[in-house]
């Protein structure tokens, strides 16, 4: 299973001068994300049993792992925005 990003780096540059450089440790949020995922799974199981006869139960049950995979897929994401003399850079690693 892919690992979610550990650090998000944000860099803001205006002209040739760096205005802001942040390192955000996302790894500290992993326990919170795990607790929210467990809570979502606890809610999804009874909901899937209720929606099972209509055919939507399987989709509800699959949504929690899909959201976790989506979060893990942000590792390696790079966003560079340039507007005139302003530059914004976001890196997830």
PDB file of N, CA and C in Angstrom:
ATOM      1  N   UNK A   1       0.848  -1.182   0.000  1.00  0.00           N
ATOM      2  CA  UNK A   1       0.000   0.000   0.000  1.00  0.00           C
ATOM      3  C   UNK A   1       0.890   1.241   0.000  1.00  0.00           C
ATOM      4  N   UNK A   2       0.566   2.213  -0.818  1.00  0.00           N
ATOM      5  CA  UNK A   2       1.358   3.452  -0.870  1.00  0.00           C
ATOM      6  C   UNK A   2       1.306   4.210   0.455  1.00  0.00           C
ATOM      7  N   UNK A   3       2.365   4.929   0.719  1.00  0.00           N
ATOM      8  CA  UNK A   3       2.475   5.702   1.957  1.00  0.00           C
ATOM      9  C   UNK A   3       2.066   7.152   1.676  1.00  0.00           C
ATOM     10  N   UNK A   4       1.227   7.754   2.536  1.00  0.00           N
ATOM     11  CA  UNK A   4       0.870   9.165   2.356  1.00  0.00           C
ATOM     12  C   UNK A   4       2.100  10.061   2.514  1.00  0.00           C
ATOM     13  N   UNK A   5       2.017  11.296   2.049  1.00  0.00           N
ATOM     14  CA  UNK A   5       3.164  12.196   2.154  1.00  0.00           C
ATOM     15  C   UNK A   5       3.549  12.472   3.607  1.00  0.00           C
ATOM     16  N   UNK A   6       4.852  12.665   3.836  1.00  0.00           N
ATOM     17  CA  UNK A   6       5.368  12.952   5.175  1.00  0.00           C
ATOM     18  C   UNK A   6       5.519  14.451   5.401  1.00  0.00           C
ATOM     19  N   UNK A   7       5.930  15.168   4.360  1.00  0.00           N
ATOM     20  CA  UNK A   7       6.221  16.597   4.476  1.00  0.00           C
ATOM     21  C   UNK A   7       5.643  17.317   3.258  1.00  0.00           C
ATOM     22  N   UNK A   8       5.052  18.476   3.503  1.00  0.00           N
ATOM     23  CA  UNK A   8       4.609  19.355   2.418  1.00  0.00           C
ATOM     24  C   UNK A   8       5.452  20.619   2.506  1.00  0.00           C
ATOM     25  N   UNK A   9       6.124  20.943   1.394  1.00  0.00           N
ATOM     26  CA  UNK A   9       6.957  22.148   1.350  1.00  0.00           C
ATOM     27  C   UNK A   9       6.251  23.211   0.513  1.00  0.00           C
ATOM     28  N   UNK A  10       6.121  24.388   1.083  1.00  0.00           N
ATOM     29  CA  UNK A  10       5.488  25.520   0.397  1.00  0.00           C
ATOM     30  C   UNK A  10       6.529  26.627   0.284  1.00  0.00           C
ATOM     31  N   UNK A  11       6.686  27.163  -0.921  1.00  0.00           N
ATOM     32  CA  UNK A  11       7.666  28.228  -1.162  1.00  0.00           C
ATOM     33  C   UNK A  11       6.997  29.337  -1.966  1.00  0.00           C
ATOM     34  N   UNK A  12       7.069  30.554  -1.454  1.00  0.00           N
ATOM     35  CA  UNK A  12       6.522  31.723  -2.138  1.00  0.00           C
ATOM     36  C   UNK A  12       7.672  32.658  -2.470  1.00  0.00           C
ATOM     37  N   UNK A  13       7.752  33.081  -3.733  1.00  0.00           N
ATOM     38  CA  UNK A  13       8.820  33.965  -4.200  1.00  0.00           C
ATOM     39  C   UNK A  13       8.174  35.158  -4.891  1.00  0.00           C
ATOM     40  N   UNK A  14       8.641  36.349  -4.546  1.00  0.00           N
ATOM     41  CA  UNK A  14       8.187  37.559  -5.219  1.00  0.00           C
ATOM     42  C   UNK A  14       9.425  38.222  -5.812  1.00  0.00           C
ATOM     43  N   UNK A  15       9.466  38.322  -7.121  1.00  0.00           N
ATOM     44  CA  UNK A  15      10.660  38.834  -7.784  1.00  0.00           C
ATOM     45  C   UNK A  15      11.785  37.823  -7.629  1.00  0.00           C
ATOM     46  N   UNK A  16      12.893  38.241  -7.062  1.00  0.00           N
ATOM     47  CA  UNK A  16      13.995  37.323  -6.778  1.00  0.00           C
ATOM     48  C   UNK A  16      14.126  37.028  -5.289  1.00  0.00           C
ATOM     49  N   UNK A  17      13.189  37.538  -4.509  1.00  0.00           N
ATOM     50  CA  UNK A  17      13.262  37.409  -3.060  1.00  0.00           C
ATOM     51  C   UNK A  17      12.265  36.360  -2.565  1.00  0.00           C
ATOM     52  N   UNK A  18      12.731  35.422  -1.734  1.00  0.00           N
ATOM     53  CA  UNK A  18      11.852  34.406  -1.169  1.00  0.00           C
ATOM     54  C   UNK A  18      11.051  35.031  -0.037  1.00  0.00           C
ATOM     55  N   UNK A  19       9.729  35.020  -0.157  1.00  0.00           N
ATOM     56  CA  UNK A  19       8.845  35.623   0.826  1.00  0.00           C
ATOM     57  C   UNK A  19       8.524  34.634   1.949  1.00  0.00           C
ATOM     58  N   UNK A  20       8.297  33.382   1.587  1.00  0.00           N
ATOM     59  CA  UNK A  20       7.876  32.400   2.568  1.00  0.00           C
ATOM     60  C   UNK A  20       8.399  31.032   2.178  1.00  0.00           C
ATOM     61  N   UNK A  21       8.911  30.310   3.127  1.00  0.00           N
ATOM     62  CA  UNK A  21       9.325  28.929   2.930  1.00  0.00           C
ATOM     63  C   UNK A  21       8.878  28.102   4.121  1.00  0.00           C
ATOM     64  N   UNK A  22       7.922  27.211   3.923  1.00  0.00           N
ATOM     65  CA  UNK A  22       7.368  26.411   5.018  1.00  0.00           C
ATOM     66  C   UNK A  22       7.600  24.924   4.772  1.00  0.00           C
ATOM     67  N   UNK A  23       7.910  24.201   5.817  1.00  0.00           N
ATOM     68  CA  UNK A  23       7.936  22.753   5.801  1.00  0.00           C
ATOM     69  C   UNK A  23       6.839  22.309   6.761  1.00  0.00           C
ATOM     70  N   UNK A  24       5.787  21.704   6.246  1.00  0.00           N
ATOM     71  CA  UNK A  24       4.668  21.276   7.079  1.00  0.00           C
ATOM     72  C   UNK A  24       4.760  19.766   7.296  1.00  0.00           C
ATOM     73  N   UNK A  25       5.007  19.309   8.523  1.00  0.00           N
ATOM     74  CA  UNK A  25       5.147  17.875   8.781  1.00  0.00           C
ATOM     75  C   UNK A  25       3.791  17.169   8.835  1.00  0.00           C
ATOM     76  N   UNK A  26       3.376  16.632   7.722  1.00  0.00           N
ATOM     77  CA  UNK A  26       2.092  15.945   7.617  1.00  0.00           C
ATOM     78  C   UNK A  26       2.118  14.628   8.393  1.00  0.00           C
ATOM     79  N   UNK A  27       3.308  14.084   8.610  1.00  0.00           N
ATOM     80  CA  UNK A  27       3.425  12.818   9.327  1.00  0.00           C
ATOM     81  C   UNK A  27       2.826  12.916  10.730  1.00  0.00           C
ATOM     82  N   UNK A  28       2.785  14.111  11.298  1.00  0.00           N
ATOM     83  CA  UNK A  28       2.184  14.292  12.620  1.00  0.00           C
ATOM     84  C   UNK A  28       0.670  14.144  12.584  1.00  0.00           C
ATOM     85  N   UNK A  29       0.079  14.290  11.410  1.00  0.00           N
ATOM     86  CA  UNK A  29      -1.377  14.151  11.268  1.00  0.00           C
ATOM     87  C   UNK A  29      -1.819  12.720  10.988  1.00  0.00           C
ATOM     88  N   UNK A  30      -0.880  11.809  10.732  1.00  0.00           N
ATOM     89  CA  UNK A  30      -1.248  10.434  10.405  1.00  0.00           C
ATOM     90  C   UNK A  30      -2.115   9.769  11.465  1.00  0.00           C
ATOM     91  N   UNK A  31      -1.821   9.911  12.777  1.00  0.00           N
ATOM     92  CA  UNK A  31      -2.711   9.281  13.770  1.00  0.00           C
ATOM     93  C   UNK A  31      -4.142   9.836  13.707  1.00  0.00           C
ATOM     94  N   UNK A  32      -4.272  11.127  13.455  1.00  0.00           N
ATOM     95  CA  UNK A  32      -5.603  11.731  13.338  1.00  0.00           C
ATOM     96  C   UNK A  32      -6.319  11.179  12.103  1.00  0.00           C
ATOM     97  N   UNK A  33      -5.592  11.066  10.997  1.00  0.00           N
ATOM     98  CA  UNK A  33      -6.176  10.525   9.767  1.00  0.00           C
ATOM     99  C   UNK A  33      -6.579   9.070   9.967  1.00  0.00           C
ATOM    100  N   UNK A  34      -5.758   8.296  10.679  1.00  0.00           N
ATOM    101  CA  UNK A  34      -6.090   6.893  10.949  1.00  0.00           C
ATOM    102  C   UNK A  34      -7.342   6.783  11.815  1.00  0.00           C
ATOM    103  N   UNK A  35      -7.464   7.658  12.808  1.00  0.00           N
ATOM    104  CA  UNK A  35      -8.656   7.637  13.666  1.00  0.00           C
ATOM    105  C   UNK A  35      -9.905   8.018  12.869  1.00  0.00           C
ATOM    106  N   UNK A  36      -9.790   9.012  11.999  1.00  0.00           N
ATOM    107  CA  UNK A  36     -10.934   9.400  11.164  1.00  0.00           C
ATOM    108  C   UNK A  36     -11.308   8.296  10.181  1.00  0.00           C
ATOM    109  N   UNK A  37     -10.310   7.605   9.646  1.00  0.00           N
ATOM    110  CA  UNK A  37     -10.582   6.493   8.731  1.00  0.00           C
ATOM    111  C   UNK A  37     -11.285   5.356   9.467  1.00  0.00           C
ATOM    112  N   UNK A  38     -10.855   5.063  10.694  1.00  0.00           N
ATOM    113  CA  UNK A  38     -11.517   4.015  11.473  1.00  0.00           C
ATOM    114  C   UNK A  38     -12.964   4.397  11.780  1.00  0.00           C
ATOM    115  N   UNK A  39     -13.178   5.656  12.124  1.00  0.00           N
ATOM    116  CA  UNK A  39     -14.538   6.133  12.382  1.00  0.00           C
ATOM    117  C   UNK A  39     -15.395   6.058  11.116  1.00  0.00           C
ATOM    118  N   UNK A  40     -14.819   6.450   9.993  1.00  0.00           N
ATOM    119  CA  UNK A  40     -15.554   6.376   8.725  1.00  0.00           C
ATOM    120  C   UNK A  40     -15.901   4.928   8.381  1.00  0.00           C
ATOM    121  N   UNK A  41     -14.996   3.998   8.678  1.00  0.00           N
ATOM    122  CA  UNK A  41     -15.265   2.592   8.393  1.00  0.00           C
ATOM    123  C   UNK A  41     -16.377   2.067   9.297  1.00  0.00           C
ATOM    124  N   UNK A  42     -16.377   2.497  10.568  1.00  0.00           N
ATOM    125  CA  UNK A  42     -17.429   2.075  11.499  1.00  0.00           C
ATOM    126  C   UNK A  42     -18.785   2.591  11.035  1.00  0.00           C
ATOM    127  N   UNK A  43     -18.820   3.767  10.457  1.00  0.00           N
ATOM    128  CA  UNK A  43     -20.072   4.316   9.929  1.00  0.00           C
ATOM    129  C   UNK A  43     -20.439   3.648   8.605  1.00  0.00           C
ATOM    130  N   UNK A  44     -19.444   3.304   7.791  1.00  0.00           N
ATOM    131  CA  UNK A  44     -19.700   2.747   6.464  1.00  0.00           C
ATOM    132  C   UNK A  44     -20.259   1.332   6.509  1.00  0.00           C
ATOM    133  N   UNK A  45     -19.841   0.544   7.491  1.00  0.00           N
ATOM    134  CA  UNK A  45     -20.307  -0.852   7.554  1.00  0.00           C
ATOM    135  C   UNK A  45     -21.822  -0.930   7.775  1.00  0.00           C
ATOM    136  N   UNK A  46     -22.385  -0.281   8.811  1.00  0.00           N
ATOM    137  CA  UNK A  46     -23.851  -0.356   8.944  1.00  0.00           C
ATOM    138  C   UNK A  46     -24.589   0.313   7.785  1.00  0.00           C
ATOM    139  N   UNK A  47     -24.003   1.388   7.272  1.00  0.00           N
ATOM    140  CA  UNK A  47     -24.638   2.054   6.137  1.00  0.00           C
ATOM    141  C   UNK A  47     -24.666   1.153   4.913  1.00  0.00           C
ATOM    142  N   UNK A  48     -23.619   0.381   4.706  1.00  0.00           N
ATOM    143  CA  UNK A  48     -23.596  -0.536   3.564  1.00  0.00           C
ATOM    144  C   UNK A  48     -24.601  -1.674   3.758  1.00  0.00           C
ATOM    145  N   UNK A  49     -24.823  -2.077   5.008  1.00  0.00           N
ATOM    146  CA  UNK A  49     -25.829  -3.111   5.260  1.00  0.00           C
ATOM    147  C   UNK A  49     -27.237  -2.587   4.985  1.00  0.00           C
ATOM    148  N   UNK A  50     -27.465  -1.326   5.329  1.00  0.00           N
ATOM    149  CA  UNK A  50     -28.778  -0.731   5.077  1.00  0.00           C
ATOM    150  C   UNK A  50     -29.001  -0.530   3.581  1.00  0.00           C
ATOM    151  N   UNK A  51     -27.947  -0.077   2.877  1.00  0.00           N
ATOM    152  CA  UNK A  51     -28.081   0.193   1.446  1.00  0.00           C
ATOM    153  C   UNK A  51     -27.815  -1.030   0.578  1.00  0.00           C
ATOM    154  N   UNK A  52     -27.501  -2.155   1.195  1.00  0.00           N
ATOM    155  CA  UNK A  52     -27.189  -3.376   0.452  1.00  0.00           C
ATOM    156  C   UNK A  52     -28.264  -3.819  -0.519  1.00  0.00           C
ATOM    157  N   UNK A  53     -29.527  -3.855  -0.096  1.00  0.00           N
ATOM    158  CA  UNK A  53     -30.570  -4.305  -1.031  1.00  0.00           C
ATOM    159  C   UNK A  53     -30.730  -3.403  -2.259  1.00  0.00           C
ATOM    160  N   UNK A  54     -30.395  -2.127  -2.128  1.00  0.00           N
ATOM    161  CA  UNK A  54     -30.542  -1.226  -3.280  1.00  0.00           C
ATOM    162  C   UNK A  54     -29.347  -1.305  -4.227  1.00  0.00           C
ATOM    163  N   UNK A  55     -28.289  -2.018  -3.824  1.00  0.00           N
ATOM    164  CA  UNK A  55     -27.121  -2.175  -4.687  1.00  0.00           C
ATOM    165  C   UNK A  55     -26.024  -1.146  -4.447  1.00  0.00           C
ATOM    166  N   UNK A  56     -26.208  -0.248  -3.516  1.00  0.00           N
ATOM    167  CA  UNK A  56     -25.209   0.795  -3.256  1.00  0.00           C
ATOM    168  C   UNK A  56     -24.326   0.487  -2.048  1.00  0.00           C
ATOM    169  N   UNK A  57     -24.573  -0.599  -1.368  1.00  0.00           N
ATOM    170  CA  UNK A  57     -23.821  -0.942  -0.168  1.00  0.00           C
ATOM    171  C   UNK A  57     -22.351  -1.185  -0.440  1.00  0.00           C
ATOM    172  N   UNK A  58     -22.053  -1.866  -1.540  1.00  0.00           N
ATOM    173  CA  UNK A  58     -20.659  -2.153  -1.879  1.00  0.00           C
ATOM    174  C   UNK A  58     -19.892  -0.867  -2.170  1.00  0.00           C
ATOM    175  N   UNK A  59     -20.517   0.088  -2.842  1.00  0.00           N
ATOM    176  CA  UNK A  59     -19.853   1.362  -3.157  1.00  0.00           C
ATOM    177  C   UNK A  59     -19.542   2.150  -1.890  1.00  0.00           C
ATOM    178  N   UNK A  60     -20.458   2.120  -0.922  1.00  0.00           N
ATOM    179  CA  UNK A  60     -20.230   2.825   0.344  1.00  0.00           C
ATOM    180  C   UNK A  60     -19.073   2.182   1.087  1.00  0.00           C
ATOM    181  N   UNK A  61     -19.024   0.859   1.094  1.00  0.00           N
ATOM    182  CA  UNK A  61     -17.969   0.148   1.806  1.00  0.00           C
ATOM    183  C   UNK A  61     -16.603   0.359   1.162  1.00  0.00           C
ATOM    184  N   UNK A  62     -16.571   0.504  -0.140  1.00  0.00           N
ATOM    185  CA  UNK A  62     -15.307   0.732  -0.848  1.00  0.00           C
ATOM    186  C   UNK A  62     -14.814   2.170  -0.769  1.00  0.00           C
ATOM    187  N   UNK A  63     -15.648   3.097  -0.351  1.00  0.00           N
ATOM    188  CA  UNK A  63     -15.278   4.511  -0.372  1.00  0.00           C
ATOM    189  C   UNK A  63     -14.155   4.843   0.607  1.00  0.00           C
ATOM    190  N   UNK A  64     -14.124   4.204   1.782  1.00  0.00           N
ATOM    191  CA  UNK A  64     -13.096   4.526   2.779  1.00  0.00           C
ATOM    192  C   UNK A  64     -11.699   4.161   2.275  1.00  0.00           C
ATOM    193  N   UNK A  65     -11.455   2.925   1.789  1.00  0.00           N
ATOM    194  CA  UNK A  65     -10.121   2.624   1.259  1.00  0.00           C
ATOM    195  C   UNK A  65      -9.760   3.474   0.037  1.00  0.00           C
ATOM    196  N   UNK A  66     -10.755   3.813  -0.770  1.00  0.00           N
ATOM    197  CA  UNK A  66     -10.483   4.659  -1.939  1.00  0.00           C
ATOM    198  C   UNK A  66     -10.019   6.048  -1.521  1.00  0.00           C
ATOM    199  N   UNK A  67     -10.613   6.598  -0.488  1.00  0.00           N
ATOM    200  CA  UNK A  67     -10.188   7.918  -0.002  1.00  0.00           C
ATOM    201  C   UNK A  67      -8.777   7.860   0.579  1.00  0.00           C
ATOM    202  N   UNK A  68      -8.446   6.772   1.270  1.00  0.00           N
ATOM    203  CA  UNK A  68      -7.083   6.634   1.803  1.00  0.00           C
ATOM    204  C   UNK A  68      -6.065   6.480   0.677  1.00  0.00           C
ATOM    205  N   UNK A  69      -6.427   5.743  -0.382  1.00  0.00           N
ATOM    206  CA  UNK A  69      -5.522   5.619  -1.532  1.00  0.00           C
ATOM    207  C   UNK A  69      -5.359   6.960  -2.244  1.00  0.00           C
ATOM    208  N   UNK A  70      -6.424   7.745  -2.305  1.00  0.00           N
ATOM    209  CA  UNK A  70      -6.347   9.070  -2.908  1.00  0.00           C
ATOM    210  C   UNK A  70      -5.407   9.971  -2.116  1.00  0.00           C
ATOM    211  N   UNK A  71      -5.467   9.914  -0.796  1.00  0.00           N
ATOM    212  CA  UNK A  71      -4.560  10.680   0.046  1.00  0.00           C
ATOM    213  C   UNK A  71      -3.114  10.234  -0.169  1.00  0.00           C
ATOM    214  N   UNK A  72      -2.905   8.925  -0.267  1.00  0.00           N
ATOM    215  CA  UNK A  72      -1.547   8.405  -0.471  1.00  0.00           C
ATOM    216  C   UNK A  72      -1.012   8.765  -1.856  1.00  0.00           C
ATOM    217  N   UNK A  73      -1.891   8.952  -2.812  1.00  0.00           N
ATOM    218  CA  UNK A  73      -1.455   9.279  -4.165  1.00  0.00           C
ATOM    219  C   UNK A  73      -0.930  10.706  -4.281  1.00  0.00           C
ATOM    220  N   UNK A  74      -1.138  11.536  -3.262  1.00  0.00           N
ATOM    221  CA  UNK A  74      -0.618  12.902  -3.316  1.00  0.00           C
ATOM    222  C   UNK A  74       0.884  12.954  -3.072  1.00  0.00           C
ATOM    223  N   UNK A  75       1.486  11.848  -2.641  1.00  0.00           N
ATOM    224  CA  UNK A  75       2.942  11.816  -2.454  1.00  0.00           C
ATOM    225  C   UNK A  75       3.598  11.976  -3.823  1.00  0.00           C
ATOM    226  N   UNK A  76       4.522  12.908  -3.911  1.00  0.00           N
ATOM    227  CA  UNK A  76       5.184  13.199  -5.181  1.00  0.00           C
ATOM    228  C   UNK A  76       4.507  14.308  -5.971  1.00  0.00           C
ATOM    229  N   UNK A  77       3.408  14.848  -5.453  1.00  0.00           N
ATOM    230  CA  UNK A  77       2.700  15.937  -6.126  1.00  0.00           C
ATOM    231  C   UNK A  77       3.554  17.202  -6.113  1.00  0.00           C
ATOM    232  N   UNK A  78       3.655  17.842  -7.253  1.00  0.00           N
ATOM    233  CA  UNK A  78       4.378  19.109  -7.379  1.00  0.00           C
ATOM    234  C   UNK A  78       3.486  20.098  -8.106  1.00  0.00           C
ATOM    235  N   UNK A  79       3.296  21.265  -7.504  1.00  0.00           N
ATOM    236  CA  UNK A  79       2.485  22.321  -8.101  1.00  0.00           C
ATOM    237  C   UNK A  79       3.335  23.582  -8.162  1.00  0.00           C
ATOM    238  N   UNK A  80       3.499  24.133  -9.362  1.00  0.00           N
ATOM    239  CA  UNK A  80       4.247  25.376  -9.566  1.00  0.00           C
ATOM    240  C   UNK A  80       3.322  26.377 -10.243  1.00  0.00           C
ATOM    241  N   UNK A  81       3.138  27.509  -9.598  1.00  0.00           N
ATOM    242  CA  UNK A  81       2.302  28.578 -10.150  1.00  0.00           C
ATOM    243  C   UNK A  81       3.169  29.816 -10.359  1.00  0.00           C
ATOM    244  N   UNK A  82       3.077  30.413 -11.545  1.00  0.00           N
ATOM    245  CA  UNK A  82       3.836  31.617 -11.856  1.00  0.00           C
ATOM    246  C   UNK A  82       2.854  32.661 -12.363  1.00  0.00           C
ATOM    247  N   UNK A  83       2.900  33.845 -11.746  1.00  0.00           N
ATOM    248  CA  UNK A  83       2.053  34.955 -12.154  1.00  0.00           C
ATOM    249  C   UNK A  83       2.911  36.214 -12.145  1.00  0.00           C
ATOM    250  N   UNK A  84       3.423  36.558 -13.303  1.00  0.00           N
ATOM    251  CA  UNK A  84       4.289  37.733 -13.398  1.00  0.00           C
ATOM    252  C   UNK A  84       5.563  37.522 -12.611  1.00  0.00           C
ATOM    253  N   UNK A  85       5.766  38.344 -11.588  1.00  0.00           N
ATOM    254  CA  UNK A  85       6.983  38.208 -10.778  1.00  0.00           C
ATOM    255  C   UNK A  85       6.758  37.363  -9.525  1.00  0.00           C
ATOM    256  N   UNK A  86       5.548  36.830  -9.353  1.00  0.00           N
ATOM    257  CA  UNK A  86       5.250  35.988  -8.185  1.00  0.00           C
ATOM    258  C   UNK A  86       5.291  34.519  -8.578  1.00  0.00           C
ATOM    259  N   UNK A  87       5.858  33.717  -7.698  1.00  0.00           N
ATOM    260  CA  UNK A  87       5.975  32.283  -7.940  1.00  0.00           C
ATOM    261  C   UNK A  87       5.589  31.533  -6.670  1.00  0.00           C
ATOM    262  N   UNK A  88       4.746  30.504  -6.815  1.00  0.00           N
ATOM    263  CA  UNK A  88       4.344  29.664  -5.701  1.00  0.00           C
ATOM    264  C   UNK A  88       4.683  28.221  -6.063  1.00  0.00           C
ATOM    265  N   UNK A  89       5.287  27.526  -5.115  1.00  0.00           N
ATOM    266  CA  UNK A  89       5.709  26.148  -5.345  1.00  0.00           C
ATOM    267  C   UNK A  89       5.252  25.296  -4.169  1.00  0.00           C
ATOM    268  N   UNK A  90       4.571  24.176  -4.445  1.00  0.00           N
ATOM    269  CA  UNK A  90       4.125  23.257  -3.413  1.00  0.00           C
ATOM    270  C   UNK A  90       4.616  21.864  -3.778  1.00  0.00           C
ATOM    271  N   UNK A  91       5.294  21.200  -2.846  1.00  0.00           N
ATOM    272  CA  UNK A  91       5.857  19.858  -3.076  1.00  0.00           C
ATOM    273  C   UNK A  91       5.428  18.943  -1.930  1.00  0.00           C
ATOM    274  N   UNK A  92       4.885  17.797  -2.271  1.00  0.00           N
ATOM    275  CA  UNK A  92       4.522  16.788  -1.277  1.00  0.00           C
ATOM    276  C   UNK A  92       5.495  15.618  -1.398  1.00  0.00           C
ATOM    277  N   UNK A  93       6.173  15.319  -0.308  1.00  0.00           N
ATOM    278  CA  UNK A  93       7.115  14.192  -0.347  1.00  0.00           C
ATOM    279  C   UNK A  93       7.045  13.388   0.931  1.00  0.00           C
TER     280      UNK A  93
END
